[in-house]
Every structure is written in C-alpha cells, then in structure tokens.
C-alpha cells in the first residue's frame, strides 16, 4: 500500500496512517512517500517495511 510518513516516533520509526490505523515504518522520515508491506498487526497499530522508495 502507498502511504505518506507524517511523523517520526520516539524510537525513530516513521509513522503513517491508513484509514485511521497507525503504521510504524522503520527507516523512513517525515514527508516520505513509500510503498509498504505490512509485517505485523496489533490491536491498535501495525508495523511495515518499505517495498519501494520515495515516490515523489
């Protein structure tokens, strides 16, 4: 899925939101537009990894 990183968490992971669901994406920065693959899901958040880099 394509997401835009809108902030960075206290551990340095980028944070994106998709349908009001929070996705933590390591190795990203605020403003990055990336395609991510979800790697884990919890009750109120998910983790993902970058599939492709920034899509300007």
PDB file of N, CA and C in Angstrom:
ATOM      1  N   UNK A   1       0.844  -1.169   0.000  1.00  0.00           N
ATOM      2  CA  UNK A   1       0.000   0.000   0.000  1.00  0.00           C
ATOM      3  C   UNK A   1       0.888   1.230   0.000  1.00  0.00           C
ATOM      4  N   UNK A   2       0.422   2.310  -0.604  1.00  0.00           N
ATOM      5  CA  UNK A   2       1.149   3.571  -0.643  1.00  0.00           C
ATOM      6  C   UNK A   2       0.743   4.422   0.545  1.00  0.00           C
ATOM      7  N   UNK A   3       1.743   4.938   1.271  1.00  0.00           N
ATOM      8  CA  UNK A   3       1.486   5.789   2.427  1.00  0.00           C
ATOM      9  C   UNK A   3       2.455   6.963   2.419  1.00  0.00           C
ATOM     10  N   UNK A   4       2.097   7.996   3.163  1.00  0.00           N
ATOM     11  CA  UNK A   4       2.982   9.131   3.400  1.00  0.00           C
ATOM     12  C   UNK A   4       3.307   9.156   4.884  1.00  0.00           C
ATOM     13  N   UNK A   5       4.581   9.254   5.198  1.00  0.00           N
ATOM     14  CA  UNK A   5       5.021   9.305   6.592  1.00  0.00           C
ATOM     15  C   UNK A   5       4.724  10.706   7.110  1.00  0.00           C
ATOM     16  N   UNK A   6       3.898  10.799   8.163  1.00  0.00           N
ATOM     17  CA  UNK A   6       3.505  12.129   8.650  1.00  0.00           C
ATOM     18  C   UNK A   6       4.195  12.543   9.937  1.00  0.00           C
ATOM     19  N   UNK A   7       4.922  11.622  10.572  1.00  0.00           N
ATOM     20  CA  UNK A   7       5.701  11.977  11.763  1.00  0.00           C
ATOM     21  C   UNK A   7       6.684  10.849  12.050  1.00  0.00           C
ATOM     22  N   UNK A   8       7.535  11.079  13.055  1.00  0.00           N
ATOM     23  CA  UNK A   8       8.510  10.070  13.460  1.00  0.00           C
ATOM     24  C   UNK A   8       8.298   9.779  14.939  1.00  0.00           C
ATOM     25  N   UNK A   9       8.244   8.502  15.286  1.00  0.00           N
ATOM     26  CA  UNK A   9       8.023   8.097  16.672  1.00  0.00           C
ATOM     27  C   UNK A   9       9.265   8.242  17.530  1.00  0.00           C
ATOM     28  N   UNK A  10       9.112   8.033  18.819  1.00  0.00           N
ATOM     29  CA  UNK A  10      10.222   8.217  19.757  1.00  0.00           C
ATOM     30  C   UNK A  10      11.358   7.227  19.546  1.00  0.00           C
ATOM     31  N   UNK A  11      11.099   6.124  18.882  1.00  0.00           N
ATOM     32  CA  UNK A  11      12.158   5.150  18.568  1.00  0.00           C
ATOM     33  C   UNK A  11      12.763   5.384  17.185  1.00  0.00           C
ATOM     34  N   UNK A  12      12.308   6.428  16.488  1.00  0.00           N
ATOM     35  CA  UNK A  12      12.870   6.774  15.195  1.00  0.00           C
ATOM     36  C   UNK A  12      12.161   6.179  13.999  1.00  0.00           C
ATOM     37  N   UNK A  13      11.113   5.399  14.229  1.00  0.00           N
ATOM     38  CA  UNK A  13      10.353   4.826  13.112  1.00  0.00           C
ATOM     39  C   UNK A  13       9.398   5.860  12.542  1.00  0.00           C
ATOM     40  N   UNK A  14       9.251   5.855  11.213  1.00  0.00           N
ATOM     41  CA  UNK A  14       8.264   6.719  10.597  1.00  0.00           C
ATOM     42  C   UNK A  14       6.865   6.251  10.953  1.00  0.00           C
ATOM     43  N   UNK A  15       5.936   7.200  11.019  1.00  0.00           N
ATOM     44  CA  UNK A  15       4.551   6.879  11.349  1.00  0.00           C
ATOM     45  C   UNK A  15       3.654   7.334  10.210  1.00  0.00           C
ATOM     46  N   UNK A  16       2.866   6.404   9.692  1.00  0.00           N
ATOM     47  CA  UNK A  16       1.879   6.709   8.661  1.00  0.00           C
ATOM     48  C   UNK A  16       0.512   6.322   9.206  1.00  0.00           C
ATOM     49  N   UNK A  17      -0.510   6.858   8.586  1.00  0.00           N
ATOM     50  CA  UNK A  17      -1.875   6.493   8.972  1.00  0.00           C
ATOM     51  C   UNK A  17      -2.631   6.061   7.721  1.00  0.00           C
ATOM     52  N   UNK A  18      -3.402   4.991   7.874  1.00  0.00           N
ATOM     53  CA  UNK A  18      -4.209   4.469   6.777  1.00  0.00           C
ATOM     54  C   UNK A  18      -5.568   4.124   7.354  1.00  0.00           C
ATOM     55  N   UNK A  19      -6.604   4.825   6.917  1.00  0.00           N
ATOM     56  CA  UNK A  19      -7.952   4.635   7.468  1.00  0.00           C
ATOM     57  C   UNK A  19      -7.941   4.699   8.996  1.00  0.00           C
ATOM     58  N   UNK A  20      -7.280   5.708   9.550  1.00  0.00           N
ATOM     59  CA  UNK A  20      -7.174   5.932  10.997  1.00  0.00           C
ATOM     60  C   UNK A  20      -6.426   4.828  11.738  1.00  0.00           C
ATOM     61  N   UNK A  21      -5.665   4.018  11.032  1.00  0.00           N
ATOM     62  CA  UNK A  21      -4.854   2.966  11.644  1.00  0.00           C
ATOM     63  C   UNK A  21      -3.399   3.393  11.554  1.00  0.00           C
ATOM     64  N   UNK A  22      -2.658   3.308  12.653  1.00  0.00           N
ATOM     65  CA  UNK A  22      -1.264   3.746  12.698  1.00  0.00           C
ATOM     66  C   UNK A  22      -0.354   2.626  12.199  1.00  0.00           C
ATOM     67  N   UNK A  23       0.597   2.994  11.325  1.00  0.00           N
ATOM     68  CA  UNK A  23       1.570   2.041  10.797  1.00  0.00           C
ATOM     69  C   UNK A  23       2.966   2.587  11.075  1.00  0.00           C
ATOM     70  N   UNK A  24       3.790   1.818  11.789  1.00  0.00           N
ATOM     71  CA  UNK A  24       5.178   2.191  12.056  1.00  0.00           C
ATOM     72  C   UNK A  24       6.055   1.602  10.953  1.00  0.00           C
ATOM     73  N   UNK A  25       6.886   2.469  10.335  1.00  0.00           N
ATOM     74  CA  UNK A  25       7.724   2.040   9.220  1.00  0.00           C
ATOM     75  C   UNK A  25       9.175   2.450   9.491  1.00  0.00           C
ATOM     76  N   UNK A  26      10.030   1.511   9.898  1.00  0.00           N
ATOM     77  CA  UNK A  26      11.431   1.840  10.174  1.00  0.00           C
ATOM     78  C   UNK A  26      12.153   2.354   8.928  1.00  0.00           C
ATOM     79  N   UNK A  27      13.127   3.232   9.141  1.00  0.00           N
ATOM     80  CA  UNK A  27      13.963   3.715   8.046  1.00  0.00           C
ATOM     81  C   UNK A  27      13.332   4.787   7.189  1.00  0.00           C
ATOM     82  N   UNK A  28      12.279   5.418   7.680  1.00  0.00           N
ATOM     83  CA  UNK A  28      11.625   6.477   6.912  1.00  0.00           C
ATOM     84  C   UNK A  28      11.621   7.773   7.707  1.00  0.00           C
ATOM     85  N   UNK A  29      11.365   8.867   6.994  1.00  0.00           N
ATOM     86  CA  UNK A  29      11.334  10.196   7.602  1.00  0.00           C
ATOM     87  C   UNK A  29      10.042  10.913   7.250  1.00  0.00           C
ATOM     88  N   UNK A  30       9.722  11.929   8.024  1.00  0.00           N
ATOM     89  CA  UNK A  30       8.530  12.739   7.771  1.00  0.00           C
ATOM     90  C   UNK A  30       8.534  13.231   6.328  1.00  0.00           C
ATOM     91  N   UNK A  31       7.410  13.054   5.644  1.00  0.00           N
ATOM     92  CA  UNK A  31       7.262  13.500   4.264  1.00  0.00           C
ATOM     93  C   UNK A  31       7.566  12.440   3.223  1.00  0.00           C
ATOM     94  N   UNK A  32       8.208  11.334   3.609  1.00  0.00           N
ATOM     95  CA  UNK A  32       8.494  10.264   2.651  1.00  0.00           C
ATOM     96  C   UNK A  32       7.192   9.652   2.153  1.00  0.00           C
ATOM     97  N   UNK A  33       7.141   9.390   0.844  1.00  0.00           N
ATOM     98  CA  UNK A  33       6.012   8.682   0.239  1.00  0.00           C
ATOM     99  C   UNK A  33       6.553   7.339  -0.209  1.00  0.00           C
ATOM    100  N   UNK A  34       6.065   6.286   0.423  1.00  0.00           N
ATOM    101  CA  UNK A  34       6.619   4.955   0.180  1.00  0.00           C
ATOM    102  C   UNK A  34       5.515   3.920   0.021  1.00  0.00           C
ATOM    103  N   UNK A  35       5.887   2.830  -0.614  1.00  0.00           N
ATOM    104  CA  UNK A  35       5.000   1.667  -0.692  1.00  0.00           C
ATOM    105  C   UNK A  35       5.477   0.718   0.402  1.00  0.00           C
ATOM    106  N   UNK A  36       4.556   0.277   1.259  1.00  0.00           N
ATOM    107  CA  UNK A  36       4.932  -0.594   2.373  1.00  0.00           C
ATOM    108  C   UNK A  36       4.187  -1.918   2.318  1.00  0.00           C
ATOM    109  N   UNK A  37       4.811  -2.906   2.924  1.00  0.00           N
ATOM    110  CA  UNK A  37       4.186  -4.214   3.125  1.00  0.00           C
ATOM    111  C   UNK A  37       4.003  -4.368   4.627  1.00  0.00           C
ATOM    112  N   UNK A  38       2.809  -4.691   5.055  1.00  0.00           N
ATOM    113  CA  UNK A  38       2.524  -4.872   6.475  1.00  0.00           C
ATOM    114  C   UNK A  38       3.189  -6.165   6.945  1.00  0.00           C
ATOM    115  N   UNK A  39       3.953  -6.055   8.055  1.00  0.00           N
ATOM    116  CA  UNK A  39       4.676  -7.219   8.573  1.00  0.00           C
ATOM    117  C   UNK A  39       4.129  -7.706   9.905  1.00  0.00           C
ATOM    118  N   UNK A  40       3.304  -6.896  10.551  1.00  0.00           N
ATOM    119  CA  UNK A  40       2.723  -7.301  11.827  1.00  0.00           C
ATOM    120  C   UNK A  40       1.540  -6.422  12.174  1.00  0.00           C
ATOM    121  N   UNK A  41       0.555  -6.991  12.853  1.00  0.00           N
ATOM    122  CA  UNK A  41      -0.647  -6.241  13.231  1.00  0.00           C
ATOM    123  C   UNK A  41      -0.952  -6.502  14.700  1.00  0.00           C
ATOM    124  N   UNK A  42      -1.216  -5.429  15.412  1.00  0.00           N
ATOM    125  CA  UNK A  42      -1.638  -5.496  16.814  1.00  0.00           C
ATOM    126  C   UNK A  42      -3.039  -4.889  16.896  1.00  0.00           C
ATOM    127  N   UNK A  43      -3.560  -4.739  18.106  1.00  0.00           N
ATOM    128  CA  UNK A  43      -4.906  -4.190  18.269  1.00  0.00           C
ATOM    129  C   UNK A  43      -5.059  -2.787  17.704  1.00  0.00           C
ATOM    130  N   UNK A  44      -4.074  -1.919  17.955  1.00  0.00           N
ATOM    131  CA  UNK A  44      -4.249  -0.517  17.558  1.00  0.00           C
ATOM    132  C   UNK A  44      -3.143   0.027  16.672  1.00  0.00           C
ATOM    133  N   UNK A  45      -2.258  -0.835  16.163  1.00  0.00           N
ATOM    134  CA  UNK A  45      -1.226  -0.368  15.244  1.00  0.00           C
ATOM    135  C   UNK A  45      -0.689  -1.540  14.433  1.00  0.00           C
ATOM    136  N   UNK A  46       0.069  -1.198  13.393  1.00  0.00           N
ATOM    137  CA  UNK A  46       0.722  -2.210  12.566  1.00  0.00           C
ATOM    138  C   UNK A  46       2.170  -1.804  12.356  1.00  0.00           C
ATOM    139  N   UNK A  47       2.987  -2.759  11.947  1.00  0.00           N
ATOM    140  CA  UNK A  47       4.348  -2.465  11.533  1.00  0.00           C
ATOM    141  C   UNK A  47       4.476  -2.850  10.073  1.00  0.00           C
ATOM    142  N   UNK A  48       5.343  -2.155   9.381  1.00  0.00           N
ATOM    143  CA  UNK A  48       5.526  -2.437   7.971  1.00  0.00           C
ATOM    144  C   UNK A  48       6.961  -2.216   7.553  1.00  0.00           C
ATOM    145  N   UNK A  49       7.270  -2.632   6.325  1.00  0.00           N
ATOM    146  CA  UNK A  49       8.595  -2.397   5.775  1.00  0.00           C
ATOM    147  C   UNK A  49       8.442  -1.805   4.388  1.00  0.00           C
ATOM    148  N   UNK A  50       9.428  -1.010   4.001  1.00  0.00           N
ATOM    149  CA  UNK A  50       9.386  -0.344   2.707  1.00  0.00           C
ATOM    150  C   UNK A  50       9.601  -1.369   1.606  1.00  0.00           C
ATOM    151  N   UNK A  51       8.706  -1.342   0.615  1.00  0.00           N
ATOM    152  CA  UNK A  51       8.832  -2.203  -0.554  1.00  0.00           C
ATOM    153  C   UNK A  51       9.559  -1.445  -1.651  1.00  0.00           C
ATOM    154  N   UNK A  52       9.196  -0.177  -1.843  1.00  0.00           N
ATOM    155  CA  UNK A  52       9.890   0.688  -2.797  1.00  0.00           C
ATOM    156  C   UNK A  52      10.116   2.033  -2.138  1.00  0.00           C
ATOM    157  N   UNK A  53      11.117   2.751  -2.611  1.00  0.00           N
ATOM    158  CA  UNK A  53      11.475   4.043  -2.023  1.00  0.00           C
ATOM    159  C   UNK A  53      10.479   5.133  -2.323  1.00  0.00           C
ATOM    160  N   UNK A  54      10.878   6.338  -1.988  1.00  0.00           N
ATOM    161  CA  UNK A  54      10.013   7.511  -2.131  1.00  0.00           C
ATOM    162  C   UNK A  54       9.478   7.616  -3.549  1.00  0.00           C
ATOM    163  N   UNK A  55       8.200   7.943  -3.663  1.00  0.00           N
ATOM    164  CA  UNK A  55       7.522   8.032  -4.959  1.00  0.00           C
ATOM    165  C   UNK A  55       7.170   9.466  -5.281  1.00  0.00           C
ATOM    166  N   UNK A  56       8.077  10.355  -5.231  1.00  0.00           N
ATOM    167  CA  UNK A  56       7.911  11.798  -5.447  1.00  0.00           C
ATOM    168  C   UNK A  56       6.664  12.117  -6.195  1.00  0.00           C
TER     169      UNK A  56
END
